[in-house]
């Protein structure tokens, strides 16, 4: 059986992301959402989820993105932040510090634990863990994330290693290095999670085309689905000045929302060949 989780990442990033993701979740266009606890729109996004009766969510753990840490006393996590008191802007900045040994493991644990606590404090039940720019697949960070998953009884952690077949569609050289970096670090994620007794997806989609998902790409992905559980990470949103100023990368967010809501896509998913599931349903015993 082919099971597909469609997850909307980045709830909490902006009002436009919150509106689209919660709308998509309520309409069944996505089967899960992941929330950035230190995002500027976090409390608004959490309130919208509660109001919609959607209190199951993932923690989109963040160590990049220029967010201010959730930890109130930043001196406790100072190896994670820049001189401006925020996380590095992107994974490359973080990766450089990580390789040089500048990032302290205890700081990672303290901050990610605080992010989980903040989400739980808003009345949301955390069903899965993933991360902003997939930094949780770094071996040392995955160990921390696995420990936190066991501590909080969170059953599922995203494995973000993507099948090379995706590069056949709309190939771009500038996306290749990013893809290769994730593939190198994420290749053994599933096996490491298995050893920790944590559930995970068999396959992953949405990284190589991240920020440029559209109807055509969705249909290509559907044609290449395989048996087991696949998770597709999507980034639906409504465009706004504050979103584009903070994250120009989300310029395609409205197109992603339209693709997920497209009738042809809905018809394809209703043909019985693909089972749309939540993170919890994916591994529910029959």
Protein backbone atom coordinates (compact mmCIF):
# COMPACT_ATOMS: atom_id res chain seq x y z
CA UNK A 1 0.00 0.00 0.00
CA UNK A 2 1.21 3.50 -0.81
CA UNK A 3 0.64 5.86 2.12
CA UNK A 4 1.25 9.59 1.74
CA UNK A 5 1.66 12.18 4.48
CA UNK A 6 1.41 15.76 3.20
CA UNK A 7 2.81 18.13 5.79
CA UNK A 8 2.69 21.93 5.77
CA UNK A 9 5.91 23.24 7.29
CA UNK A 10 6.59 26.68 8.80
CA UNK A 11 3.40 27.44 10.74
CA UNK A 12 4.40 30.32 12.99
CA UNK A 13 6.56 32.05 10.40
CA UNK A 14 3.97 34.65 9.34
CA UNK A 15 0.26 35.38 9.18
CA UNK A 16 0.13 34.38 5.52
CA UNK A 17 1.72 31.01 6.23
CA UNK A 18 -0.58 30.45 9.21
CA UNK A 19 -3.72 31.27 7.22
CA UNK A 20 -2.89 28.96 4.34
CA UNK A 21 -1.56 26.06 6.39
CA UNK A 22 -4.47 25.98 8.85
CA UNK A 23 -6.93 26.33 5.97
CA UNK A 24 -5.26 23.46 4.10
CA UNK A 25 -5.21 21.34 7.27
CA UNK A 26 -8.90 21.97 7.96
CA UNK A 27 -9.86 21.07 4.38
CA UNK A 28 -7.78 17.90 4.32
CA UNK A 29 -5.43 19.23 1.67
CA UNK A 30 -2.56 18.45 4.03
CA UNK A 31 -2.60 15.76 6.71
CA UNK A 32 -0.27 17.49 9.14
CA UNK A 33 1.43 20.76 10.01
CA UNK A 34 4.69 21.61 11.74
CA UNK A 35 5.02 24.64 13.99
CA UNK A 36 8.06 26.90 14.55
CA UNK A 37 7.95 27.72 18.26
CA UNK A 38 10.29 30.70 17.93
CA UNK A 39 8.61 32.10 14.81
CA UNK A 40 7.17 35.63 14.99
CA UNK A 41 3.68 34.29 14.22
CA UNK A 42 3.84 31.31 16.57
CA UNK A 43 1.16 32.26 19.10
CA UNK A 44 -1.20 33.36 16.34
CA UNK A 45 -0.65 30.08 14.47
CA UNK A 46 -1.20 28.01 17.61
CA UNK A 47 -4.43 29.88 18.38
CA UNK A 48 -5.67 29.35 14.82
CA UNK A 49 -5.00 25.62 15.07
CA UNK A 50 -6.88 25.40 18.38
CA UNK A 51 -9.80 27.42 16.98
CA UNK A 52 -9.96 25.05 14.00
CA UNK A 53 -10.01 22.03 16.32
CA UNK A 54 -6.64 20.87 14.96
CA UNK A 55 -4.57 20.36 18.08
CA UNK A 56 -2.23 17.69 16.68
CA UNK A 57 0.92 19.22 15.18
CA UNK A 58 4.60 18.69 14.69
CA UNK A 59 7.48 20.65 16.14
CA UNK A 60 9.44 22.27 13.32
CA UNK A 61 12.63 22.53 15.34
CA UNK A 62 14.71 25.58 14.43
CA UNK A 63 18.42 26.33 14.77
CA UNK A 64 18.61 28.53 11.65
CA UNK A 65 16.44 31.22 10.05
CA UNK A 66 17.59 34.24 12.07
CA UNK A 67 15.00 33.44 14.74
CA UNK A 68 15.46 34.57 18.32
CA UNK A 69 15.91 31.49 20.54
CA UNK A 70 12.98 30.32 22.63
CA UNK A 71 15.31 29.99 25.61
CA UNK A 72 14.75 33.15 27.68
CA UNK A 73 18.32 33.33 28.97
CA UNK A 74 20.30 33.25 25.72
CA UNK A 75 23.55 32.88 27.68
CA UNK A 76 22.46 29.25 28.17
CA UNK A 77 22.55 28.69 24.39
CA UNK A 78 25.11 31.24 23.26
CA UNK A 79 26.96 28.80 20.99
CA UNK A 80 23.85 28.74 18.76
CA UNK A 81 23.52 32.45 18.13
CA UNK A 82 25.23 35.22 16.20
CA UNK A 83 26.41 38.54 17.60
CA UNK A 84 22.91 39.85 16.92
CA UNK A 85 21.46 37.28 19.31
CA UNK A 86 19.71 35.18 16.66
CA UNK A 87 20.29 31.83 14.97
CA UNK A 88 22.44 31.79 11.79
CA UNK A 89 20.44 32.88 8.74
CA UNK A 90 20.67 29.53 6.94
CA UNK A 91 21.97 26.00 7.17
CA UNK A 92 25.30 26.94 5.55
CA UNK A 93 26.08 29.37 8.35
CA UNK A 94 25.06 26.83 10.95
CA UNK A 95 26.91 24.04 9.15
CA UNK A 96 30.19 26.00 9.24
CA UNK A 97 29.94 26.52 13.01
CA UNK A 98 28.92 22.89 13.49
CA UNK A 99 31.92 21.54 11.54
CA UNK A 100 34.31 23.77 13.48
CA UNK A 101 33.03 22.38 16.75
CA UNK A 102 31.61 25.75 17.81
CA UNK A 103 28.13 24.39 18.56
CA UNK A 104 27.69 22.84 22.01
CA UNK A 105 25.48 19.77 22.22
CA UNK A 106 24.04 20.85 25.57
CA UNK A 107 22.94 24.14 24.00
CA UNK A 108 21.14 22.28 21.22
CA UNK A 109 19.33 20.11 23.74
CA UNK A 110 18.34 23.03 25.96
CA UNK A 111 16.95 25.07 23.07
CA UNK A 112 15.09 22.27 21.32
CA UNK A 113 13.60 21.15 24.63
CA UNK A 114 12.35 24.70 25.20
CA UNK A 115 10.80 24.77 21.72
CA UNK A 116 8.92 21.54 22.43
CA UNK A 117 7.76 22.88 25.80
CA UNK A 118 6.52 26.10 24.22
CA UNK A 119 4.41 24.21 21.68
CA UNK A 120 2.96 21.95 24.36
CA UNK A 121 2.27 25.03 26.46
CA UNK A 122 -0.10 26.29 23.74
CA UNK A 123 -2.26 23.18 24.09
CA UNK A 124 -0.94 21.38 21.01
CA UNK A 125 -0.16 17.66 21.06
CA UNK A 126 3.11 16.99 19.28
CA UNK A 127 2.79 13.98 16.98
CA UNK A 128 6.03 14.38 15.05
CA UNK A 129 9.38 16.15 14.93
CA UNK A 130 11.13 17.66 11.92
CA UNK A 131 13.25 20.77 11.51
CA UNK A 132 13.77 24.02 9.67
CA UNK A 133 16.16 23.34 6.77
CA UNK A 134 16.33 19.71 7.95
CA UNK A 135 19.21 20.37 10.36
CA UNK A 136 18.01 17.54 12.59
CA UNK A 137 19.58 15.00 10.21
CA UNK A 138 23.11 16.02 11.29
CA UNK A 139 24.29 12.97 13.30
CA UNK A 140 24.92 14.76 16.60
CA UNK A 141 21.67 16.71 16.37
CA UNK A 142 19.66 13.62 15.40
CA UNK A 143 20.88 11.99 18.60
CA UNK A 144 19.51 14.90 20.64
CA UNK A 145 16.23 14.92 18.72
CA UNK A 146 15.83 11.15 19.23
CA UNK A 147 16.42 11.56 22.97
CA UNK A 148 13.79 14.30 23.15
CA UNK A 149 11.33 12.22 21.13
CA UNK A 150 11.65 9.38 23.63
CA UNK A 151 11.49 11.76 26.61
CA UNK A 152 8.25 13.36 25.42
CA UNK A 153 6.69 10.24 23.92
CA UNK A 154 6.71 11.68 20.40
CA UNK A 155 6.43 8.65 18.10
CA UNK A 156 7.67 9.98 14.76
CA UNK A 157 10.72 11.84 13.43
CA UNK A 158 11.05 12.82 9.77
CA UNK A 159 13.66 11.05 7.67
CA UNK A 160 14.57 13.62 5.00
CA UNK A 161 16.58 11.59 2.50
CA UNK A 162 15.04 12.13 -0.94
CA UNK A 163 15.09 9.72 -3.90
CA UNK A 164 17.37 10.98 -6.74
CA UNK A 165 14.51 10.41 -9.20
CA UNK A 166 13.12 13.82 -8.23
CA UNK A 167 16.00 15.51 -10.06
CA UNK A 168 14.51 14.38 -13.37
CA UNK A 169 11.85 17.05 -12.96
CA UNK A 170 12.78 20.73 -13.44
CA UNK A 171 16.47 20.11 -12.71
CA UNK A 172 18.43 23.13 -11.52
CA UNK A 173 22.16 23.09 -10.82
CA UNK A 174 21.81 25.62 -8.02
CA UNK A 175 19.63 23.14 -6.10
CA UNK A 176 22.10 20.29 -6.54
CA UNK A 177 24.55 21.25 -3.77
CA UNK A 178 21.72 21.67 -1.27
CA UNK A 179 20.28 18.31 -2.30
CA UNK A 180 23.68 16.58 -2.10
CA UNK A 181 24.35 17.99 1.39
CA UNK A 182 21.04 16.72 2.72
CA UNK A 183 21.51 13.36 1.02
CA UNK A 184 24.96 12.94 2.57
CA UNK A 185 23.76 13.65 6.09
CA UNK A 186 20.31 12.15 5.77
CA UNK A 187 21.20 8.83 4.14
CA UNK A 188 21.48 6.96 7.44
CA UNK A 189 18.75 8.83 9.31
CA UNK A 190 16.25 5.99 8.99
CA UNK A 191 18.65 3.40 10.36
CA UNK A 192 19.61 5.63 13.27
CA UNK A 193 15.95 6.20 14.11
CA UNK A 194 15.28 2.46 13.86
CA UNK A 195 18.00 1.83 16.43
CA UNK A 196 16.30 4.38 18.70
CA UNK A 197 12.94 2.67 18.31
CA UNK A 198 11.39 5.76 16.66
CA UNK A 199 8.99 5.60 13.74
CA UNK A 200 9.81 7.43 10.52
CA UNK A 201 8.76 7.67 6.89
CA UNK A 202 10.22 5.29 4.33
CA UNK A 203 10.65 8.00 1.70
CA UNK A 204 10.65 11.77 1.55
CA UNK A 205 9.68 14.38 -1.05
CA UNK A 206 9.76 18.16 -1.21
CA UNK A 207 13.39 19.13 -0.66
CA UNK A 208 14.82 19.37 -4.18
CA UNK A 209 11.74 21.34 -5.29
CA UNK A 210 11.45 23.23 -2.03
CA UNK A 211 10.13 26.72 -2.70
CA UNK A 212 8.99 25.82 -6.24
CA UNK A 213 6.39 23.11 -5.78
CA UNK A 214 3.54 23.34 -8.28
CA UNK A 215 0.84 21.16 -9.84
CA UNK A 216 3.16 19.75 -12.48
CA UNK A 217 5.76 18.74 -9.87
CA UNK A 218 3.08 17.21 -7.65
CA UNK A 219 1.88 14.97 -10.48
CA UNK A 220 5.45 13.92 -11.24
CA UNK A 221 5.93 13.00 -7.58
CA UNK A 222 2.67 11.03 -7.55
CA UNK A 223 3.83 9.03 -10.58
CA UNK A 224 6.95 8.02 -8.67
CA UNK A 225 5.42 7.05 -5.33
CA UNK A 226 6.41 3.64 -4.02
CA UNK A 227 5.07 1.17 -1.46
CA UNK A 228 5.38 2.27 2.15
CA UNK A 229 5.06 5.65 3.83
CA UNK A 230 6.16 8.77 1.95
CA UNK A 231 6.16 12.21 3.54
CA UNK A 232 5.83 15.26 1.31
CA UNK A 233 6.91 18.56 2.86
CA UNK A 234 4.95 21.48 1.42
CA UNK A 235 5.06 25.22 2.12
CA UNK A 236 1.64 26.68 1.30
CA UNK A 237 1.09 30.34 2.11
CA UNK A 238 -0.66 33.55 1.22
CA UNK A 239 1.70 36.22 -0.06
CA UNK A 240 2.15 39.33 2.02
CA UNK A 241 4.74 42.07 2.35
CA UNK A 242 5.93 40.82 5.74
CA UNK A 243 6.39 37.26 4.43
CA UNK A 244 8.34 38.35 1.35
CA UNK A 245 10.49 40.73 3.41
CA UNK A 246 11.39 38.08 5.96
CA UNK A 247 11.55 35.10 3.63
CA UNK A 248 11.78 35.83 -0.14
CA UNK A 249 12.25 32.08 -0.58
CA UNK A 250 8.47 31.71 0.09
CA UNK A 251 7.55 33.72 -3.04
CA UNK A 252 5.97 30.56 -4.52
CA UNK A 253 3.91 29.81 -1.40
CA UNK A 254 0.59 30.82 -2.95
CA UNK A 255 1.24 28.61 -5.99
CA UNK A 256 1.85 25.70 -3.62
CA UNK A 257 -1.48 26.37 -1.93
CA UNK A 258 -3.25 26.47 -5.28
CA UNK A 259 -1.60 23.22 -6.38
CA UNK A 260 -2.68 21.41 -3.21
CA UNK A 261 -6.25 22.69 -3.67
CA UNK A 262 -6.41 21.81 -7.38
CA UNK A 263 -9.32 19.55 -8.38
CA UNK A 264 -7.13 17.38 -10.63
CA UNK A 265 -4.80 16.71 -7.70
CA UNK A 266 -7.77 15.83 -5.48
CA UNK A 267 -9.11 13.48 -8.16
CA UNK A 268 -5.75 11.75 -8.45
CA UNK A 269 -5.60 11.17 -4.70
CA UNK A 270 -9.14 9.78 -4.63
CA UNK A 271 -8.50 6.94 -7.09
CA UNK A 272 -7.70 4.47 -4.29
CA UNK A 273 -4.06 3.89 -5.24
CA UNK A 274 -2.71 6.29 -2.62
CA UNK A 275 -3.85 6.43 1.00
CA UNK A 276 -3.61 9.93 2.50
CA UNK A 277 -2.67 9.58 6.17
CA UNK A 278 -1.65 11.61 9.19
CA UNK A 279 1.62 10.91 10.96
CA UNK A 280 -0.27 8.97 13.61
CA UNK A 281 -2.36 7.00 11.10
CA UNK A 282 0.68 6.01 9.06
CA UNK A 283 1.80 3.57 11.73
CA UNK A 284 -1.48 2.70 13.43
CA UNK A 285 -1.82 -1.03 13.88
CA UNK A 286 -4.82 -2.52 12.05
